Amino acid sequence: SYVREAGPQLGLSAVEEENAPPYERVSCGRHG
């Protein structure tokens, strides 16, 4: 819900598909 609400302002994208696989990792990079 946070990504969906704040994503456009913060440059994030939400995965909308209900059956989408979980993310692969949390990555600490230059973009956060």
PDB file of all heavy atoms in Angstrom:
ATOM      1  N   SER A   1       0.824  -1.201   0.000  1.00  0.00           N
ATOM      2  CA  SER A   1       0.000   0.000   0.000  1.00  0.00           C
ATOM      3  C   SER A   1       0.862   1.257   0.000  1.00  0.00           C
ATOM      4  O   SER A   1       0.532   2.253  -0.661  1.00  0.00           O
ATOM      5  CB  SER A   1      -0.935   0.006   1.216  1.00  0.00           C
ATOM      6  OG  SER A   1      -0.178  -0.006   2.422  1.00  0.00           O
ATOM      7  N   TYR A   2       2.003   1.208   0.711  1.00  0.00           N
ATOM      8  CA  TYR A   2       2.903   2.365   0.749  1.00  0.00           C
ATOM      9  C   TYR A   2       3.480   2.641  -0.635  1.00  0.00           C
ATOM     10  O   TYR A   2       3.534   3.786  -1.078  1.00  0.00           O
ATOM     11  CB  TYR A   2       4.033   2.105   1.740  1.00  0.00           C
ATOM     12  CG  TYR A   2       5.128   3.142   1.705  1.00  0.00           C
ATOM     13  CD1 TYR A   2       4.908   4.435   2.166  1.00  0.00           C
ATOM     14  CD2 TYR A   2       6.389   2.823   1.201  1.00  0.00           C
ATOM     15  CE1 TYR A   2       5.922   5.389   2.136  1.00  0.00           C
ATOM     16  CE2 TYR A   2       7.399   3.758   1.165  1.00  0.00           C
ATOM     17  CZ  TYR A   2       7.164   5.045   1.634  1.00  0.00           C
ATOM     18  OH  TYR A   2       8.160   5.973   1.591  1.00  0.00           O
ATOM     19  N   VAL A   3       3.918   1.588  -1.323  1.00  0.00           N
ATOM     20  CA  VAL A   3       4.473   1.763  -2.664  1.00  0.00           C
ATOM     21  C   VAL A   3       3.406   2.302  -3.613  1.00  0.00           C
ATOM     22  O   VAL A   3       3.685   3.168  -4.449  1.00  0.00           O
ATOM     23  CB  VAL A   3       5.050   0.427  -3.184  1.00  0.00           C
ATOM     24  CG1 VAL A   3       5.458   0.553  -4.644  1.00  0.00           C
ATOM     25  CG2 VAL A   3       6.248   0.001  -2.347  1.00  0.00           C
ATOM     26  N   ARG A   4       2.189   1.813  -3.468  1.00  0.00           N
ATOM     27  CA  ARG A   4       1.107   2.263  -4.347  1.00  0.00           C
ATOM     28  C   ARG A   4       0.780   3.741  -4.110  1.00  0.00           C
ATOM     29  O   ARG A   4       0.519   4.492  -5.052  1.00  0.00           O
ATOM     30  CB  ARG A   4      -0.132   1.402  -4.114  1.00  0.00           C
ATOM     31  CG  ARG A   4      -1.257   1.647  -5.128  1.00  0.00           C
ATOM     32  CD  ARG A   4      -2.430   0.715  -4.868  1.00  0.00           C
ATOM     33  NE  ARG A   4      -2.074  -0.667  -5.157  1.00  0.00           N
ATOM     34  CZ  ARG A   4      -1.999  -1.630  -4.243  1.00  0.00           C
ATOM     35  NH1 ARG A   4      -2.236  -1.359  -2.962  1.00  0.00           N
ATOM     36  NH2 ARG A   4      -1.685  -2.859  -4.579  1.00  0.00           N
ATOM     37  N   GLU A   5       0.807   4.161  -2.841  1.00  0.00           N
ATOM     38  CA  GLU A   5       0.436   5.543  -2.514  1.00  0.00           C
ATOM     39  C   GLU A   5       1.574   6.527  -2.767  1.00  0.00           C
ATOM     40  O   GLU A   5       1.375   7.606  -3.310  1.00  0.00           O
ATOM     41  CB  GLU A   5       0.007   5.623  -1.048  1.00  0.00           C
ATOM     42  CG  GLU A   5      -1.283   4.866  -0.750  1.00  0.00           C
ATOM     43  CD  GLU A   5      -1.516   4.707   0.746  1.00  0.00           C
ATOM     44  OE1 GLU A   5      -0.723   5.291   1.532  1.00  0.00           O
ATOM     45  OE2 GLU A   5      -2.456   3.998   1.133  1.00  0.00           O
ATOM     46  N   ALA A   6       2.784   6.153  -2.324  1.00  0.00           N
ATOM     47  CA  ALA A   6       3.906   7.090  -2.388  1.00  0.00           C
ATOM     48  C   ALA A   6       4.806   6.863  -3.589  1.00  0.00           C
ATOM     49  O   ALA A   6       5.674   7.686  -3.866  1.00  0.00           O
ATOM     50  CB  ALA A   6       4.739   6.983  -1.105  1.00  0.00           C
ATOM     51  N   GLY A   7       4.596   5.769  -4.302  1.00  0.00           N
ATOM     52  CA  GLY A   7       5.467   5.412  -5.407  1.00  0.00           C
ATOM     53  C   GLY A   7       5.673   6.487  -6.452  1.00  0.00           C
ATOM     54  O   GLY A   7       6.812   6.779  -6.836  1.00  0.00           O
ATOM     55  N   PRO A   8       4.597   7.107  -6.961  1.00  0.00           N
ATOM     56  CA  PRO A   8       4.778   8.119  -8.004  1.00  0.00           C
ATOM     57  C   PRO A   8       5.677   9.274  -7.587  1.00  0.00           C
ATOM     58  O   PRO A   8       6.440   9.798  -8.397  1.00  0.00           O
ATOM     59  CB  PRO A   8       3.338   8.599  -8.258  1.00  0.00           C
ATOM     60  CG  PRO A   8       2.485   7.438  -7.881  1.00  0.00           C
ATOM     61  CD  PRO A   8       3.177   6.820  -6.698  1.00  0.00           C
ATOM     62  N   GLN A   9       5.601   9.686  -6.310  1.00  0.00           N
ATOM     63  CA  GLN A   9       6.425  10.796  -5.848  1.00  0.00           C
ATOM     64  C   GLN A   9       7.866  10.366  -5.568  1.00  0.00           C
ATOM     65  O   GLN A   9       8.795  11.157  -5.695  1.00  0.00           O
ATOM     66  CB  GLN A   9       5.836  11.401  -4.560  1.00  0.00           C
ATOM     67  CG  GLN A   9       4.542  12.164  -4.759  1.00  0.00           C
ATOM     68  CD  GLN A   9       3.357  11.231  -4.919  1.00  0.00           C
ATOM     69  OE1 GLN A   9       3.369  10.122  -4.393  1.00  0.00           O
ATOM     70  NE2 GLN A   9       2.338  11.662  -5.650  1.00  0.00           N
ATOM     71  N   LEU A  10       8.054   9.082  -5.192  1.00  0.00           N
ATOM     72  CA  LEU A  10       9.374   8.626  -4.769  1.00  0.00           C
ATOM     73  C   LEU A  10      10.078   7.790  -5.824  1.00  0.00           C
ATOM     74  O   LEU A  10      11.179   7.294  -5.591  1.00  0.00           O
ATOM     75  CB  LEU A  10       9.258   7.815  -3.470  1.00  0.00           C
ATOM     76  CG  LEU A  10       8.668   8.570  -2.273  1.00  0.00           C
ATOM     77  CD1 LEU A  10       8.545   7.645  -1.081  1.00  0.00           C
ATOM     78  CD2 LEU A  10       9.532   9.775  -1.935  1.00  0.00           C
ATOM     79  N   GLY A  11       9.436   7.612  -6.973  1.00  0.00           N
ATOM     80  CA  GLY A  11      10.077   6.850  -8.039  1.00  0.00           C
ATOM     81  C   GLY A  11      10.035   5.356  -7.828  1.00  0.00           C
ATOM     82  O   GLY A  11      10.901   4.621  -8.319  1.00  0.00           O
ATOM     83  N   LEU A  12       9.029   4.871  -7.084  1.00  0.00           N
ATOM     84  CA  LEU A  12       8.882   3.441  -6.846  1.00  0.00           C
ATOM     85  C   LEU A  12       7.780   2.897  -7.737  1.00  0.00           C
ATOM     86  O   LEU A  12       6.915   3.623  -8.198  1.00  0.00           O
ATOM     87  CB  LEU A  12       8.516   3.173  -5.376  1.00  0.00           C
ATOM     88  CG  LEU A  12       9.464   3.748  -4.328  1.00  0.00           C
ATOM     89  CD1 LEU A  12       8.883   3.528  -2.946  1.00  0.00           C
ATOM     90  CD2 LEU A  12      10.829   3.111  -4.443  1.00  0.00           C
ATOM     91  N   SER A  13       7.807   1.603  -7.956  1.00  0.00           N
ATOM     92  CA  SER A  13       6.743   0.973  -8.751  1.00  0.00           C
ATOM     93  C   SER A  13       6.168  -0.177  -7.970  1.00  0.00           C
ATOM     94  O   SER A  13       6.883  -0.930  -7.310  1.00  0.00           O
ATOM     95  CB  SER A  13       7.294   0.458 -10.090  1.00  0.00           C
ATOM     96  OG  SER A  13       8.324  -0.477  -9.869  1.00  0.00           O
ATOM     97  N   ALA A  14       4.854  -0.322  -8.026  1.00  0.00           N
ATOM     98  CA  ALA A  14       4.177  -1.385  -7.294  1.00  0.00           C
ATOM     99  C   ALA A  14       3.889  -2.556  -8.206  1.00  0.00           C
ATOM    100  O   ALA A  14       3.618  -2.390  -9.394  1.00  0.00           O
ATOM    101  CB  ALA A  14       2.859  -0.854  -6.696  1.00  0.00           C
ATOM    102  N   VAL A  15       3.930  -3.747  -7.640  1.00  0.00           N
ATOM    103  CA  VAL A  15       3.545  -4.946  -8.385  1.00  0.00           C
ATOM    104  C   VAL A  15       2.077  -5.200  -8.113  1.00  0.00           C
ATOM    105  O   VAL A  15       1.678  -5.451  -6.990  1.00  0.00           O
ATOM    106  CB  VAL A  15       4.392  -6.161  -7.921  1.00  0.00           C
ATOM    107  CG1 VAL A  15       3.945  -7.412  -8.634  1.00  0.00           C
ATOM    108  CG2 VAL A  15       5.866  -5.903  -8.179  1.00  0.00           C
ATOM    109  N   GLU A  16       1.257  -5.116  -9.134  1.00  0.00           N
ATOM    110  CA  GLU A  16      -0.178  -5.197  -8.948  1.00  0.00           C
ATOM    111  C   GLU A  16      -0.709  -6.618  -9.037  1.00  0.00           C
ATOM    112  O   GLU A  16      -1.776  -6.928  -8.542  1.00  0.00           O
ATOM    113  CB  GLU A  16      -0.894  -4.336 -10.013  1.00  0.00           C
ATOM    114  CG  GLU A  16      -0.545  -2.853  -9.913  1.00  0.00           C
ATOM    115  CD  GLU A  16      -1.049  -2.225  -8.629  1.00  0.00           C
ATOM    116  OE1 GLU A  16      -1.950  -2.797  -7.997  1.00  0.00           O
ATOM    117  OE2 GLU A  16      -0.525  -1.164  -8.254  1.00  0.00           O
ATOM    118  N   GLU A  17       0.018  -7.518  -9.709  1.00  0.00           N
ATOM    119  CA  GLU A  17      -0.511  -8.851  -9.922  1.00  0.00           C
ATOM    120  C   GLU A  17      -0.642  -9.584  -8.599  1.00  0.00           C
ATOM    121  O   GLU A  17       0.291  -9.652  -7.818  1.00  0.00           O
ATOM    122  CB  GLU A  17       0.404  -9.646 -10.857  1.00  0.00           C
ATOM    123  CG  GLU A  17       0.513  -9.076 -12.270  1.00  0.00           C
ATOM    124  CD  GLU A  17       1.530  -7.955 -12.372  1.00  0.00           C
ATOM    125  OE1 GLU A  17       2.074  -7.564 -11.315  1.00  0.00           O
ATOM    126  OE2 GLU A  17       1.758  -7.470 -13.485  1.00  0.00           O
ATOM    127  N   GLU A  18      -1.834 -10.180  -8.370  1.00  0.00           N
ATOM    128  CA  GLU A  18      -2.065 -10.875  -7.124  1.00  0.00           C
ATOM    129  C   GLU A  18      -1.161 -12.087  -6.968  1.00  0.00           C
ATOM    130  O   GLU A  18      -0.762 -12.440  -5.875  1.00  0.00           O
ATOM    131  CB  GLU A  18      -3.548 -11.328  -7.048  1.00  0.00           C
ATOM    132  CG  GLU A  18      -4.512 -10.165  -6.858  1.00  0.00           C
ATOM    133  CD  GLU A  18      -4.278  -9.457  -5.527  1.00  0.00           C
ATOM    134  OE1 GLU A  18      -3.965 -10.129  -4.534  1.00  0.00           O
ATOM    135  OE2 GLU A  18      -4.397  -8.220  -5.494  1.00  0.00           O
ATOM    136  N   ASN A  19      -0.846 -12.756  -8.085  1.00  0.00           N
ATOM    137  CA  ASN A  19      -0.044 -13.968  -8.031  1.00  0.00           C
ATOM    138  C   ASN A  19       1.423 -13.718  -8.360  1.00  0.00           C
ATOM    139  O   ASN A  19       2.164 -14.633  -8.713  1.00  0.00           O
ATOM    140  CB  ASN A  19      -0.608 -15.021  -9.000  1.00  0.00           C
ATOM    141  CG  ASN A  19      -2.006 -15.455  -8.590  1.00  0.00           C
ATOM    142  OD1 ASN A  19      -2.287 -15.615  -7.410  1.00  0.00           O
ATOM    143  ND2 ASN A  19      -2.882 -15.633  -9.570  1.00  0.00           N
ATOM    144  N   ALA A  20       1.845 -12.450  -8.283  1.00  0.00           N
ATOM    145  CA  ALA A  20       3.236 -12.134  -8.593  1.00  0.00           C
ATOM    146  C   ALA A  20       4.147 -12.780  -7.555  1.00  0.00           C
ATOM    147  O   ALA A  20       3.807 -12.882  -6.380  1.00  0.00           O
ATOM    148  CB  ALA A  20       3.454 -10.628  -8.597  1.00  0.00           C
ATOM    149  N   PRO A  21       5.336 -13.248  -7.968  1.00  0.00           N
ATOM    150  CA  PRO A  21       6.256 -13.873  -7.014  1.00  0.00           C
ATOM    151  C   PRO A  21       6.812 -12.840  -6.053  1.00  0.00           C
ATOM    152  O   PRO A  21       6.828 -11.648  -6.349  1.00  0.00           O
ATOM    153  CB  PRO A  21       7.366 -14.434  -7.915  1.00  0.00           C
ATOM    154  CG  PRO A  21       7.339 -13.551  -9.131  1.00  0.00           C
ATOM    155  CD  PRO A  21       5.893 -13.183  -9.330  1.00  0.00           C
ATOM    156  N   PRO A  22       7.255 -13.286  -4.873  1.00  0.00           N
ATOM    157  CA  PRO A  22       7.864 -12.343  -3.929  1.00  0.00           C
ATOM    158  C   PRO A  22       9.160 -11.804  -4.491  1.00  0.00           C
ATOM    159  O   PRO A  22       9.748 -12.381  -5.397  1.00  0.00           O
ATOM    160  CB  PRO A  22       8.127 -13.203  -2.686  1.00  0.00           C
ATOM    161  CG  PRO A  22       8.236 -14.594  -3.221  1.00  0.00           C
ATOM    162  CD  PRO A  22       7.279 -14.657  -4.383  1.00  0.00           C
ATOM    163  N   TYR A  23       9.602 -10.659  -3.946  1.00  0.00           N
ATOM    164  CA  TYR A  23      10.820 -10.050  -4.441  1.00  0.00           C
ATOM    165  C   TYR A  23      12.011 -10.965  -4.188  1.00  0.00           C
ATOM    166  O   TYR A  23      11.982 -11.855  -3.351  1.00  0.00           O
ATOM    167  CB  TYR A  23      11.039  -8.689  -3.776  1.00  0.00           C
ATOM    168  CG  TYR A  23      11.357  -8.755  -2.312  1.00  0.00           C
ATOM    169  CD1 TYR A  23      12.669  -8.940  -1.885  1.00  0.00           C
ATOM    170  CD2 TYR A  23      10.367  -8.657  -1.361  1.00  0.00           C
ATOM    171  CE1 TYR A  23      12.981  -9.000  -0.556  1.00  0.00           C
ATOM    172  CE2 TYR A  23      10.677  -8.734  -0.023  1.00  0.00           C
ATOM    173  CZ  TYR A  23      11.976  -8.896   0.377  1.00  0.00           C
ATOM    174  OH  TYR A  23      12.272  -8.963   1.706  1.00  0.00           O
ATOM    175  N   GLU A  24      13.075 -10.731  -4.920  1.00  0.00           N
ATOM    176  CA  GLU A  24      14.251 -11.574  -4.805  1.00  0.00           C
ATOM    177  C   GLU A  24      15.149 -11.172  -3.638  1.00  0.00           C
ATOM    178  O   GLU A  24      15.771 -12.008  -3.021  1.00  0.00           O
ATOM    179  CB  GLU A  24      15.081 -11.503  -6.107  1.00  0.00           C
ATOM    180  CG  GLU A  24      14.399 -12.175  -7.275  1.00  0.00           C
ATOM    181  CD  GLU A  24      14.226 -13.676  -7.054  1.00  0.00           C
ATOM    182  OE1 GLU A  24      15.085 -14.290  -6.404  1.00  0.00           O
ATOM    183  OE2 GLU A  24      13.222 -14.221  -7.513  1.00  0.00           O
ATOM    184  N   ARG A  25      15.196  -9.888  -3.331  1.00  0.00           N
ATOM    185  CA  ARG A  25      16.079  -9.462  -2.255  1.00  0.00           C
ATOM    186  C   ARG A  25      15.778  -8.011  -1.891  1.00  0.00           C
ATOM    187  O   ARG A  25      15.123  -7.301  -2.627  1.00  0.00           O
ATOM    188  CB  ARG A  25      17.550  -9.567  -2.658  1.00  0.00           C
ATOM    189  CG  ARG A  25      17.957  -8.615  -3.766  1.00  0.00           C
ATOM    190  CD  ARG A  25      19.374  -8.892  -4.249  1.00  0.00           C
ATOM    191  NE  ARG A  25      19.802  -7.941  -5.261  1.00  0.00           N
ATOM    192  CZ  ARG A  25      19.474  -7.990  -6.532  1.00  0.00           C
ATOM    193  NH1 ARG A  25      18.688  -8.950  -6.972  1.00  0.00           N
ATOM    194  NH2 ARG A  25      19.915  -7.096  -7.387  1.00  0.00           N
ATOM    195  N   VAL A  26      16.283  -7.598  -0.744  1.00  0.00           N
ATOM    196  CA  VAL A  26      16.335  -6.187  -0.399  1.00  0.00           C
ATOM    197  C   VAL A  26      17.738  -5.722  -0.734  1.00  0.00           C
ATOM    198  O   VAL A  26      18.713  -6.255  -0.227  1.00  0.00           O
ATOM    199  CB  VAL A  26      16.036  -5.953   1.093  1.00  0.00           C
ATOM    200  CG1 VAL A  26      16.213  -4.488   1.435  1.00  0.00           C
ATOM    201  CG2 VAL A  26      14.621  -6.384   1.417  1.00  0.00           C
ATOM    202  N   SER A  27      17.845  -4.736  -1.617  1.00  0.00           N
ATOM    203  CA  SER A  27      19.154  -4.313  -2.110  1.00  0.00           C
ATOM    204  C   SER A  27      19.484  -2.928  -1.576  1.00  0.00           C
ATOM    205  O   SER A  27      18.677  -2.007  -1.670  1.00  0.00           O
ATOM    206  CB  SER A  27      19.147  -4.272  -3.643  1.00  0.00           C
ATOM    207  OG  SER A  27      20.332  -3.718  -4.136  1.00  0.00           O
ATOM    208  N   CYS A  28      20.691  -2.782  -1.020  1.00  0.00           N
ATOM    209  CA  CYS A  28      21.159  -1.495  -0.509  1.00  0.00           C
ATOM    210  C   CYS A  28      22.099  -0.898  -1.543  1.00  0.00           C
ATOM    211  O   CYS A  28      23.273  -1.230  -1.603  1.00  0.00           O
ATOM    212  CB  CYS A  28      21.868  -1.682   0.822  1.00  0.00           C
ATOM    213  SG  CYS A  28      22.355  -0.160   1.605  1.00  0.00           S
ATOM    214  N   GLY A  29      21.583  -0.010  -2.386  1.00  0.00           N
ATOM    215  CA  GLY A  29      22.379   0.573  -3.456  1.00  0.00           C
ATOM    216  C   GLY A  29      22.324   2.081  -3.441  1.00  0.00           C
ATOM    217  O   GLY A  29      21.820   2.685  -2.506  1.00  0.00           O
ATOM    218  N   ARG A  30      22.823   2.697  -4.495  1.00  0.00           N
ATOM    219  CA  ARG A  30      22.914   4.161  -4.528  1.00  0.00           C
ATOM    220  C   ARG A  30      21.543   4.818  -4.562  1.00  0.00           C
ATOM    221  O   ARG A  30      21.385   5.972  -4.220  1.00  0.00           O
ATOM    222  CB  ARG A  30      23.745   4.621  -5.726  1.00  0.00           C
ATOM    223  CG  ARG A  30      23.071   4.449  -7.059  1.00  0.00           C
ATOM    224  CD  ARG A  30      23.973   4.914  -8.198  1.00  0.00           C
ATOM    225  NE  ARG A  30      24.268   6.333  -8.082  1.00  0.00           N
ATOM    226  CZ  ARG A  30      23.494   7.288  -8.586  1.00  0.00           C
ATOM    227  NH1 ARG A  30      22.371   6.990  -9.231  1.00  0.00           N
ATOM    228  NH2 ARG A  30      23.838   8.555  -8.490  1.00  0.00           N
ATOM    229  N   HIS A  31      20.528   4.080  -4.954  1.00  0.00           N
ATOM    230  CA  HIS A  31      19.191   4.644  -4.986  1.00  0.00           C
ATOM    231  C   HIS A  31      18.363   4.236  -3.778  1.00  0.00           C
ATOM    232  O   HIS A  31      17.154   4.354  -3.790  1.00  0.00           O
ATOM    233  CB  HIS A  31      18.470   4.228  -6.270  1.00  0.00           C
ATOM    234  CG  HIS A  31      19.084   4.819  -7.505  1.00  0.00           C
ATOM    235  ND1 HIS A  31      19.163   6.173  -7.703  1.00  0.00           N
ATOM    236  CD2 HIS A  31      19.686   4.234  -8.562  1.00  0.00           C
ATOM    237  CE1 HIS A  31      19.769   6.413  -8.868  1.00  0.00           C
ATOM    238  NE2 HIS A  31      20.102   5.249  -9.405  1.00  0.00           N
ATOM    239  N   GLY A  32      19.025   3.729  -2.755  1.00  0.00           N
ATOM    240  CA  GLY A  32      18.314   3.464  -1.520  1.00  0.00           C
ATOM    241  C   GLY A  32      18.085   1.992  -1.278  1.00  0.00           C
ATOM    242  O   GLY A  32      18.675   1.128  -1.919  1.00  0.00           O
TER     243      GLY A  32
END
